[in-house]
Amino acid sequence: MPTSCRRSCQSCSASRVPPRSCALCARLTAYCLIGWWTYTAGLSITTNHDGCIVTCQGEVLQGQALDGKTVRGASAHGDKTHLVSLVQHGSAVTLAQTEVAAKQNEITAAPTLLQNRALGGTVTTGDALLTQRALAQLICAHGGHYLMIVKRNQRQLWEDLDLLFRIPAIPADQEVWDRATTVTKGHGRLETRTLECGTGLVDVLDWPGLAQVARRTCERVAIKTGKRTQEVSYGITSLAPADVRAPQLEMVWRGHWTIENRKHYVRDVTLGEDRNQMHTGNAPRVLATLRSGLIDLWRWKGWTNIADAVRDCAASVQRTLTLIGALPDSTLT
């Protein structure tokens, strides 16, 4: 960065002037966001099925995850900053983001990310906190599907599902059931995931759009020590057995972790979000948006390792400005 620009940015920081007063910072921010928005807008016409499932009728459904994240560095020095994001499975592109208002939580913030979106051809996933009737109703009303995790915060629902899967199915009930098992090896452990899904209790449970219930059993074995751990989770979905079987449902379930592994973790560990202590005004939210946008831009440009992308940009100002569109790309001329 030229010395004059560096001094300008330093003076803005020292005098606590809002970031928008620095013309260079504003321009770079605009370039970055324009590039990000251009990328995310183009996803609707892409032919890449990463993070998608194909139904038994041949319809392609794109997974997208709802989850929240606290900006811990900013929250430690100012008001709590908690953001809820809508992130695409597979690509980890951030489609929308909102800040949780004071004295509220993700339950009230999440619907604002969906209520003005066309959800046809999508499956929205969320953790147990977002397993709410109102959210399920909203998703179905906008033409989408959902997969929600059930834990003890929905006590009655959890107890009903737990009892259902403990009792063998009765043939007279004419329920449809399916099962899929996947085995993977990595990070020093062997992991076996078994997903069972079916129509039991669908007509009994009072839940909008409910078509199947599911149980997912995950058994992990540490290769060196032989130690075994087991985790059992329950879920509910609007995807009917005629459309989606157990292997496809497992893909959606596992795809939810895209938001943690490919977006939140990268923002924290690689880009140092939780170590950043800037907490004045809208700065934490704006910086979180920029980090998400940069991650998406790097991946759009073909980077698979974001740490390598950061080092590449640090080594060349020209390549950085080309990345965000401030300079023309020489490969296009």
Protein backbone atom coordinates (compact mmCIF):
# COMPACT_ATOMS: atom_id res chain seq x y z
CA MET A 1 0.00 0.00 0.00
CA PRO A 2 1.38 3.49 -0.84
CA THR A 3 2.71 5.46 2.14
CA SER A 4 0.07 8.19 1.77
CA CYS A 5 -2.74 5.64 1.83
CA ARG A 6 -1.23 3.84 4.80
CA ARG A 7 -0.99 7.12 6.74
CA SER A 8 -4.58 7.96 5.84
CA CYS A 9 -5.83 4.61 7.17
CA GLN A 10 -3.73 4.97 10.32
CA SER A 11 -5.12 8.46 10.97
CA CYS A 12 -8.67 7.16 10.60
CA SER A 13 -7.95 4.45 13.16
CA ALA A 14 -6.17 6.76 15.59
CA SER A 15 -8.92 9.38 15.60
CA ARG A 16 -11.69 6.78 15.89
CA VAL A 17 -13.30 8.15 12.73
CA PRO A 18 -15.83 5.66 11.26
CA PRO A 19 -14.29 3.47 8.50
CA ARG A 20 -16.50 5.04 5.84
CA SER A 21 -14.57 8.31 6.18
CA CYS A 22 -11.51 6.72 4.60
CA ALA A 23 -12.06 6.89 0.84
CA LEU A 24 -9.58 4.10 0.09
CA CYS A 25 -11.12 1.71 2.63
CA ALA A 26 -14.60 2.46 1.30
CA ARG A 27 -13.53 1.86 -2.29
CA LEU A 28 -11.78 -1.44 -1.49
CA THR A 29 -14.80 -2.54 0.54
CA ALA A 30 -17.09 -1.75 -2.38
CA TYR A 31 -14.90 -3.68 -4.84
CA CYS A 32 -14.82 -6.67 -2.53
CA LEU A 33 -18.57 -6.71 -1.93
CA ILE A 34 -19.39 -6.19 -5.61
CA GLY A 35 -17.22 -9.17 -6.48
CA TRP A 36 -18.84 -11.26 -3.77
CA TRP A 37 -22.40 -10.32 -4.78
CA THR A 38 -21.60 -11.02 -8.45
CA TYR A 39 -20.36 -14.45 -7.47
CA THR A 40 -23.31 -15.39 -5.27
CA ALA A 41 -25.80 -14.08 -7.82
CA GLY A 42 -24.25 -16.36 -10.43
CA LEU A 43 -24.86 -19.45 -8.33
CA SER A 44 -28.43 -19.73 -9.53
CA ILE A 45 -27.26 -20.56 -13.03
CA THR A 46 -24.30 -22.79 -12.18
CA THR A 47 -24.28 -26.42 -13.26
CA ASN A 48 -22.13 -27.56 -10.35
CA HIS A 49 -24.13 -29.90 -8.10
CA ASP A 50 -21.75 -29.64 -5.14
CA GLY A 51 -23.84 -29.69 -1.96
CA CYS A 52 -26.93 -30.92 -3.82
CA ILE A 53 -28.99 -34.09 -3.80
CA VAL A 54 -31.05 -35.52 -6.64
CA THR A 55 -34.49 -36.81 -5.72
CA CYS A 56 -35.98 -40.06 -6.98
CA GLN A 57 -37.89 -37.96 -9.55
CA GLY A 58 -34.68 -36.34 -10.82
CA GLU A 59 -35.16 -32.93 -9.17
CA VAL A 60 -31.96 -31.27 -7.95
CA LEU A 61 -32.22 -29.85 -4.43
CA GLN A 62 -29.53 -27.49 -3.11
CA GLY A 63 -28.71 -27.70 0.58
CA GLN A 64 -28.29 -24.53 2.62
CA ALA A 65 -27.43 -24.20 6.31
CA LEU A 66 -28.68 -21.74 8.92
CA ASP A 67 -26.41 -21.16 11.90
CA GLY A 68 -25.21 -18.44 14.21
CA LYS A 69 -21.76 -17.32 15.32
CA THR A 70 -20.60 -14.97 18.05
CA VAL A 71 -17.75 -12.58 17.19
CA ARG A 72 -15.94 -13.25 20.46
CA GLY A 73 -13.14 -10.69 20.20
CA ALA A 74 -15.58 -7.83 19.68
CA SER A 75 -18.03 -9.15 22.28
CA ALA A 76 -15.30 -9.25 24.93
CA HIS A 77 -14.79 -5.48 24.68
CA GLY A 78 -18.21 -4.17 23.70
CA ASP A 79 -21.79 -5.24 23.18
CA LYS A 80 -22.29 -8.85 22.20
CA THR A 81 -22.10 -9.31 18.43
CA HIS A 82 -23.91 -12.43 17.23
CA LEU A 83 -24.51 -13.06 13.54
CA VAL A 84 -26.78 -15.58 11.82
CA SER A 85 -25.81 -16.71 8.33
CA LEU A 86 -27.35 -18.69 5.50
CA VAL A 87 -24.57 -20.69 3.83
CA GLN A 88 -24.79 -23.01 0.85
CA HIS A 89 -23.82 -26.65 1.36
CA GLY A 90 -20.71 -27.75 -0.49
CA SER A 91 -19.43 -24.41 -1.80
CA ALA A 92 -19.88 -22.67 1.59
CA VAL A 93 -20.96 -19.45 -0.13
CA THR A 94 -22.64 -17.03 2.27
CA LEU A 95 -26.04 -16.25 0.76
CA ALA A 96 -27.31 -13.94 3.51
CA GLN A 97 -26.34 -12.69 6.96
CA THR A 98 -28.02 -10.72 9.71
CA GLU A 99 -27.13 -9.52 13.18
CA VAL A 100 -29.11 -10.69 16.18
CA ALA A 101 -30.71 -7.71 17.88
CA ALA A 102 -30.05 -6.95 21.53
CA LYS A 103 -32.01 -9.16 23.97
CA GLN A 104 -33.04 -11.50 21.13
CA ASN A 105 -31.63 -14.75 19.76
CA GLU A 106 -31.21 -16.81 16.59
CA ILE A 107 -34.84 -17.96 16.73
CA THR A 108 -36.10 -14.46 15.95
CA ALA A 109 -33.25 -13.53 13.56
CA ALA A 110 -33.21 -16.62 11.32
CA PRO A 111 -36.64 -16.06 9.69
CA THR A 112 -35.52 -12.67 8.36
CA LEU A 113 -32.95 -14.45 6.17
CA LEU A 114 -35.63 -16.62 4.55
CA GLN A 115 -38.86 -14.64 4.43
CA ASN A 116 -37.99 -12.73 1.24
CA ARG A 117 -36.25 -15.60 -0.55
CA ALA A 118 -37.61 -18.05 -3.11
CA LEU A 119 -36.85 -21.40 -1.48
CA GLY A 120 -38.00 -23.69 -4.27
CA GLY A 121 -35.37 -26.33 -5.04
CA THR A 122 -33.64 -25.96 -1.67
CA VAL A 123 -33.32 -27.91 1.58
CA THR A 124 -32.66 -25.70 4.61
CA THR A 125 -30.86 -27.28 7.55
CA GLY A 126 -30.43 -25.95 11.06
CA ASP A 127 -29.21 -27.02 14.46
CA ALA A 128 -31.47 -27.91 17.38
CA LEU A 129 -32.00 -24.30 18.49
CA LEU A 130 -33.67 -23.50 15.16
CA THR A 131 -35.99 -26.52 15.28
CA GLN A 132 -39.10 -24.36 15.55
CA ARG A 133 -42.61 -24.80 14.14
CA ALA A 134 -42.78 -21.23 12.87
CA LEU A 135 -39.54 -21.62 10.90
CA ALA A 136 -40.69 -24.94 9.41
CA GLN A 137 -43.96 -23.31 8.37
CA LEU A 138 -42.11 -20.39 6.76
CA ILE A 139 -39.84 -22.68 4.75
CA CYS A 140 -42.75 -24.76 3.47
CA ALA A 141 -44.78 -21.63 2.64
CA HIS A 142 -41.94 -20.41 0.41
CA GLY A 143 -41.73 -23.70 -1.49
CA GLY A 144 -38.69 -25.14 0.24
CA HIS A 145 -37.83 -28.23 2.26
CA TYR A 146 -36.19 -28.54 5.67
CA LEU A 147 -34.14 -30.95 7.77
CA MET A 148 -34.10 -30.05 11.45
CA ILE A 149 -32.15 -31.63 14.29
CA VAL A 150 -34.14 -32.57 17.40
CA LYS A 151 -32.61 -32.37 20.86
CA ARG A 152 -33.96 -32.00 24.37
CA ASN A 153 -34.84 -28.34 23.92
CA GLN A 154 -37.92 -29.80 22.17
CA ARG A 155 -38.42 -32.28 25.00
CA GLN A 156 -41.73 -33.84 24.03
CA LEU A 157 -40.70 -34.20 20.40
CA TRP A 158 -37.37 -35.73 21.40
CA GLU A 159 -39.01 -38.21 23.78
CA ASP A 160 -41.55 -39.26 21.13
CA LEU A 161 -38.79 -39.92 18.58
CA ASP A 162 -36.60 -41.71 21.10
CA LEU A 163 -39.45 -44.05 22.03
CA LEU A 164 -40.39 -44.62 18.37
CA PHE A 165 -36.94 -45.84 17.41
CA ARG A 166 -36.66 -48.07 20.46
CA ILE A 167 -39.82 -50.01 19.59
CA PRO A 168 -39.82 -52.26 16.49
CA ALA A 169 -42.16 -51.18 13.70
CA ILE A 170 -45.50 -52.98 13.40
CA PRO A 171 -46.28 -54.25 9.86
CA ALA A 172 -49.94 -53.33 10.27
CA ASP A 173 -49.02 -49.66 10.50
CA GLN A 174 -47.79 -49.79 6.88
CA GLU A 175 -44.91 -47.45 7.62
CA VAL A 176 -42.12 -46.86 5.08
CA TRP A 177 -38.59 -47.24 6.45
CA ASP A 178 -35.11 -47.01 4.97
CA ARG A 179 -31.55 -47.31 6.27
CA ALA A 180 -28.07 -46.31 5.07
CA THR A 181 -24.59 -46.83 6.54
CA THR A 182 -21.41 -44.99 5.57
CA VAL A 183 -17.88 -45.60 6.83
CA THR A 184 -15.05 -43.08 6.63
CA LYS A 185 -11.49 -42.98 7.94
CA GLY A 186 -9.61 -39.82 8.79
CA HIS A 187 -8.09 -37.69 11.55
CA GLY A 188 -6.92 -40.85 13.31
CA ARG A 189 -10.33 -42.43 13.70
CA LEU A 190 -12.76 -44.76 11.98
CA GLU A 191 -16.29 -43.36 11.80
CA THR A 192 -19.44 -45.34 11.05
CA ARG A 193 -22.65 -43.39 10.47
CA THR A 194 -26.01 -45.13 10.26
CA LEU A 195 -29.13 -43.20 9.31
CA GLU A 196 -32.61 -44.70 9.68
CA CYS A 197 -35.62 -42.81 8.41
CA GLY A 198 -39.31 -43.48 7.94
CA THR A 199 -42.90 -42.33 8.26
CA GLY A 200 -43.53 -43.38 11.85
CA LEU A 201 -45.44 -40.76 13.89
CA VAL A 202 -45.75 -38.47 10.86
CA ASP A 203 -49.55 -38.42 11.16
CA VAL A 204 -49.38 -37.97 14.93
CA LEU A 205 -46.78 -35.25 15.45
CA ASP A 206 -48.06 -31.69 15.13
CA TRP A 207 -45.32 -30.30 12.91
CA PRO A 208 -45.71 -28.28 9.67
CA GLY A 209 -44.89 -30.20 6.49
CA LEU A 210 -43.48 -33.22 8.33
CA ALA A 211 -42.94 -36.20 5.97
CA GLN A 212 -40.21 -38.30 7.65
CA VAL A 213 -38.46 -38.78 10.98
CA ALA A 214 -34.86 -39.94 11.29
CA ARG A 215 -32.29 -41.29 13.70
CA ARG A 216 -28.57 -40.95 13.03
CA THR A 217 -26.10 -43.05 14.99
CA CYS A 218 -22.44 -42.07 14.74
CA GLU A 219 -19.83 -44.44 16.17
CA ARG A 220 -16.19 -43.33 16.30
CA VAL A 221 -13.21 -45.55 17.02
CA ALA A 222 -9.79 -44.03 17.76
CA ILE A 223 -7.37 -46.08 15.66
CA LYS A 224 -4.43 -45.84 18.09
CA THR A 225 -6.26 -46.46 21.37
CA GLY A 226 -9.33 -48.38 20.24
CA LYS A 227 -11.56 -46.07 22.30
CA ARG A 228 -15.18 -46.09 21.11
CA THR A 229 -17.70 -43.28 21.37
CA GLN A 230 -21.27 -43.19 20.14
CA GLU A 231 -23.60 -40.28 19.46
CA VAL A 232 -27.28 -40.61 18.61
CA SER A 233 -29.21 -37.73 17.02
CA TYR A 234 -32.78 -37.36 15.83
CA GLY A 235 -34.17 -35.30 12.98
CA ILE A 236 -37.37 -34.36 11.17
CA THR A 237 -37.77 -33.41 7.52
CA SER A 238 -40.34 -32.36 4.96
CA LEU A 239 -38.71 -34.62 2.36
CA ALA A 240 -41.04 -37.56 1.64
CA PRO A 241 -39.82 -41.19 1.26
CA ALA A 242 -41.02 -41.19 -2.36
CA ASP A 243 -38.60 -38.34 -3.09
CA VAL A 244 -35.60 -38.95 -0.84
CA ARG A 245 -34.19 -42.15 0.61
CA ALA A 246 -31.79 -42.62 3.51
CA PRO A 247 -28.50 -42.13 1.56
CA GLN A 248 -29.68 -38.79 0.21
CA LEU A 249 -30.91 -37.69 3.62
CA GLU A 250 -27.52 -38.57 5.09
CA MET A 251 -25.85 -36.33 2.49
CA VAL A 252 -28.06 -33.41 3.51
CA TRP A 253 -27.47 -34.06 7.21
CA ARG A 254 -23.71 -34.17 6.81
CA GLY A 255 -23.77 -31.20 4.45
CA HIS A 256 -25.01 -28.99 7.26
CA TRP A 257 -21.51 -28.96 8.76
CA THR A 258 -20.26 -27.03 5.74
CA ILE A 259 -21.08 -23.82 7.57
CA GLU A 260 -18.90 -24.79 10.54
CA ASN A 261 -16.00 -26.46 8.75
CA ARG A 262 -15.64 -24.31 5.63
CA LYS A 263 -16.85 -20.90 6.82
CA HIS A 264 -16.90 -20.32 10.60
CA TYR A 265 -13.69 -22.27 11.26
CA VAL A 266 -11.82 -20.49 8.46
CA ARG A 267 -12.98 -17.08 9.68
CA ASP A 268 -11.80 -17.88 13.21
CA VAL A 269 -8.55 -19.76 12.66
CA THR A 270 -7.22 -18.54 9.31
CA LEU A 271 -8.54 -14.96 9.32
CA GLY A 272 -8.38 -14.47 13.10
CA GLU A 273 -11.93 -13.22 13.60
CA ASP A 274 -12.16 -14.08 17.30
CA ARG A 275 -8.75 -12.49 17.96
CA ASN A 276 -9.81 -9.20 16.38
CA GLN A 277 -10.93 -6.80 19.12
CA MET A 278 -12.49 -4.06 16.99
CA HIS A 279 -15.89 -3.50 18.61
CA THR A 280 -17.07 0.04 17.82
CA GLY A 281 -20.36 0.56 16.01
CA ASN A 282 -21.03 -1.73 13.05
CA ALA A 283 -17.35 -2.61 12.57
CA PRO A 284 -17.59 -6.24 13.83
CA ARG A 285 -20.53 -7.03 11.53
CA VAL A 286 -18.94 -5.29 8.52
CA LEU A 287 -15.61 -7.06 9.02
CA ALA A 288 -17.34 -10.43 9.37
CA THR A 289 -19.13 -9.75 6.09
CA LEU A 290 -15.85 -8.86 4.39
CA ARG A 291 -14.17 -12.02 5.68
CA SER A 292 -16.99 -14.14 4.30
CA GLY A 293 -16.82 -12.30 1.00
CA LEU A 294 -13.07 -12.76 0.71
CA ILE A 295 -13.31 -16.48 1.45
CA ASP A 296 -15.93 -16.82 -1.29
CA LEU A 297 -13.84 -14.80 -3.75
CA TRP A 298 -10.72 -16.86 -3.10
CA ARG A 299 -12.60 -20.09 -3.67
CA TRP A 300 -14.17 -18.64 -6.79
CA LYS A 301 -10.66 -17.97 -8.06
CA GLY A 302 -9.72 -21.61 -7.46
CA TRP A 303 -8.02 -21.47 -4.07
CA THR A 304 -8.67 -24.60 -2.00
CA ASN A 305 -6.45 -23.58 0.92
CA ILE A 306 -7.42 -20.17 2.31
CA ALA A 307 -4.20 -19.86 4.35
CA ASP A 308 -2.23 -20.14 1.09
CA ALA A 309 -4.50 -17.51 -0.46
CA VAL A 310 -3.83 -15.13 2.44
CA ARG A 311 -0.08 -15.58 2.06
CA ASP A 312 -0.31 -15.01 -1.69
CA CYS A 313 -2.18 -11.73 -1.21
CA ALA A 314 0.25 -10.63 1.50
CA ALA A 315 3.13 -11.15 -0.92
CA SER A 316 1.70 -8.98 -3.71
CA VAL A 317 -0.42 -5.85 -3.46
CA GLN A 318 -1.05 -6.00 -7.21
CA ARG A 319 -2.48 -9.53 -7.02
CA THR A 320 -4.68 -8.46 -4.09
CA LEU A 321 -6.08 -5.48 -5.98
CA THR A 322 -6.65 -7.69 -9.02
CA LEU A 323 -8.51 -10.21 -6.86
CA ILE A 324 -11.06 -7.65 -5.67
CA GLY A 325 -11.39 -6.01 -9.10
CA ALA A 326 -9.53 -2.79 -8.35
CA LEU A 327 -7.05 -3.61 -11.14
CA PRO A 328 -7.81 -5.38 -14.43
CA ASP A 329 -6.97 -9.08 -14.64
CA SER A 330 -4.05 -9.43 -17.07
CA THR A 331 -5.28 -12.90 -18.06
CA LEU A 332 -8.40 -11.32 -19.56
CA THR A 333 -6.53 -8.87 -21.81
